C-alpha atoms as a PDB file:
ATOM      1  CA  MET A   1     -56.763  45.977-206.134  1.00  0.00           C
ATOM      2  CA  ASP A   2     -57.341  42.906-208.356  1.00  0.00           C
ATOM      3  CA  ILE A   3     -55.762  40.612-205.798  1.00  0.00           C
ATOM      4  CA  LEU A   4     -58.729  41.270-203.452  1.00  0.00           C
ATOM      5  CA  TYR A   5     -60.948  39.331-205.881  1.00  0.00           C
ATOM      6  CA  LEU A   6     -58.786  36.310-205.130  1.00  0.00           C
ATOM      7  CA  LEU A   7     -57.945  36.760-201.489  1.00  0.00           C
ATOM      8  CA  ILE A   8     -61.465  37.509-200.114  1.00  0.00           C
ATOM      9  CA  PRO A   9     -63.111  34.339-201.452  1.00  0.00           C
ATOM     10  CA  LEU A  10     -60.048  32.330-200.528  1.00  0.00           C
ATOM     11  CA  SER A  11     -60.166  33.527-196.930  1.00  0.00           C
ATOM     12  CA  VAL A  12     -63.877  32.899-196.644  1.00  0.00           C
ATOM     13  CA  THR A  13     -63.438  29.342-198.056  1.00  0.00           C
ATOM     14  CA  LEU A  14     -60.548  28.777-195.594  1.00  0.00           C
ATOM     15  CA  ALA A  15     -62.746  29.975-192.668  1.00  0.00           C
ATOM     16  CA  PHE A  16     -65.457  27.482-193.649  1.00  0.00           C
ATOM     17  CA  VAL A  17     -62.967  24.618-193.967  1.00  0.00           C
ATOM     18  CA  ILE A  18     -61.562  25.408-190.501  1.00  0.00           C
ATOM     19  CA  GLY A  19     -65.115  25.674-189.102  1.00  0.00           C
ATOM     20  CA  ALA A  20     -66.016  22.341-190.608  1.00  0.00           C
ATOM     21  CA  ALA A  21     -62.940  20.717-189.149  1.00  0.00           C
ATOM     22  CA  PHE A  22     -63.687  22.088-185.728  1.00  0.00           C
ATOM     23  CA  TRP A  23     -67.341  20.954-185.953  1.00  0.00           C
ATOM     24  CA  LEU A  24     -66.248  17.410-186.897  1.00  0.00           C
ATOM     25  CA  ALA A  25     -63.758  17.250-184.000  1.00  0.00           C
ATOM     26  CA  VAL A  26     -66.494  18.348-181.566  1.00  0.00           C
ATOM     27  CA  ASP A  27     -68.878  15.734-183.052  1.00  0.00           C
ATOM     28  CA  GLU A  28     -66.228  12.974-182.745  1.00  0.00           C
ATOM     29  CA  GLY A  29     -65.779  13.788-179.009  1.00  0.00           C
ATOM     30  CA  GLN A  30     -62.241  15.094-179.180  1.00  0.00           C
ATOM     31  CA  PHE A  31     -62.944  17.787-176.518  1.00  0.00           C
ATOM     32  CA  ASP A  32     -65.009  15.615-174.121  1.00  0.00           C
ATOM     33  CA  ASP A  33     -62.173  14.818-171.635  1.00  0.00           C
ATOM     34  CA  LEU A  34     -59.373  17.417-171.576  1.00  0.00           C
ATOM     35  CA  GLU A  35     -57.767  16.497-168.281  1.00  0.00           C
ATOM     36  CA  GLY A  36     -57.851  12.740-168.404  1.00  0.00           C
ATOM     37  CA  PRO A  37     -54.909  12.132-170.885  1.00  0.00           C
ATOM     38  CA  GLY A  38     -52.696  14.625-169.036  1.00  0.00           C
ATOM     39  CA  LEU A  39     -53.397  12.993-165.702  1.00  0.00           C
ATOM     40  CA  SER A  40     -52.932   9.448-166.971  1.00  0.00           C
ATOM     41  CA  VAL A  41     -49.275  10.279-167.739  1.00  0.00           C
ATOM     42  CA  VAL A  42     -48.659  11.372-164.167  1.00  0.00           C
ATOM     43  CA  VAL A  43     -50.648   8.438-162.589  1.00  0.00           C
ATOM     44  CA  ASP A  44     -49.167   5.767-164.869  1.00  0.00           C
ATOM     45  CA  ASP A  45     -47.407   3.150-162.874  1.00  0.00           C
ATOM     46  CA  ASP A  46     -45.200   0.957-165.088  1.00  0.00           C
ATOM     47  CA  ASN A  47     -43.752  -1.167-162.254  1.00  0.00           C
ATOM     48  CA  PRO A  48     -46.270  -1.457-159.383  1.00  0.00           C
ATOM     49  CA  GLN A  49     -44.165  -3.852-157.338  1.00  0.00           C
ATOM     50  CA  ALA A  50     -41.142  -1.534-157.133  1.00  0.00           C
ATOM     51  CA  ALA A  51     -43.326   1.425-156.103  1.00  0.00           C
ATOM     52  CA  ARG A  52     -44.769  -0.323-152.987  1.00  0.00           C
ATOM     53  CA  PRO A  53     -42.356  -1.220-150.152  1.00  0.00           C
ATOM     54  CA  GLU A  54     -42.521  -4.794-148.895  1.00  0.00           C
ATOM     55  CA  ALA A  55     -43.979  -5.252-145.453  1.00  0.00           C
ATOM     56  CA  ASP A  56     -41.591  -7.849-143.931  1.00  0.00           C
ATOM     57  CA  GLY A  57     -42.641  -7.322-140.296  1.00  0.00           C
END
């Protein structure tokens, strides 16, 4: 039963730390564009000349 005197304040402190970290991430703009980085990997074109066929009529 004595362990509860340690675990309850520790868990409340941990919850506040996690909440503060989340609040800072939201303020920094980490969650503004969730789809952009994932789509940029798919759309990335390292060699644009090899992707387009030459039109030698």
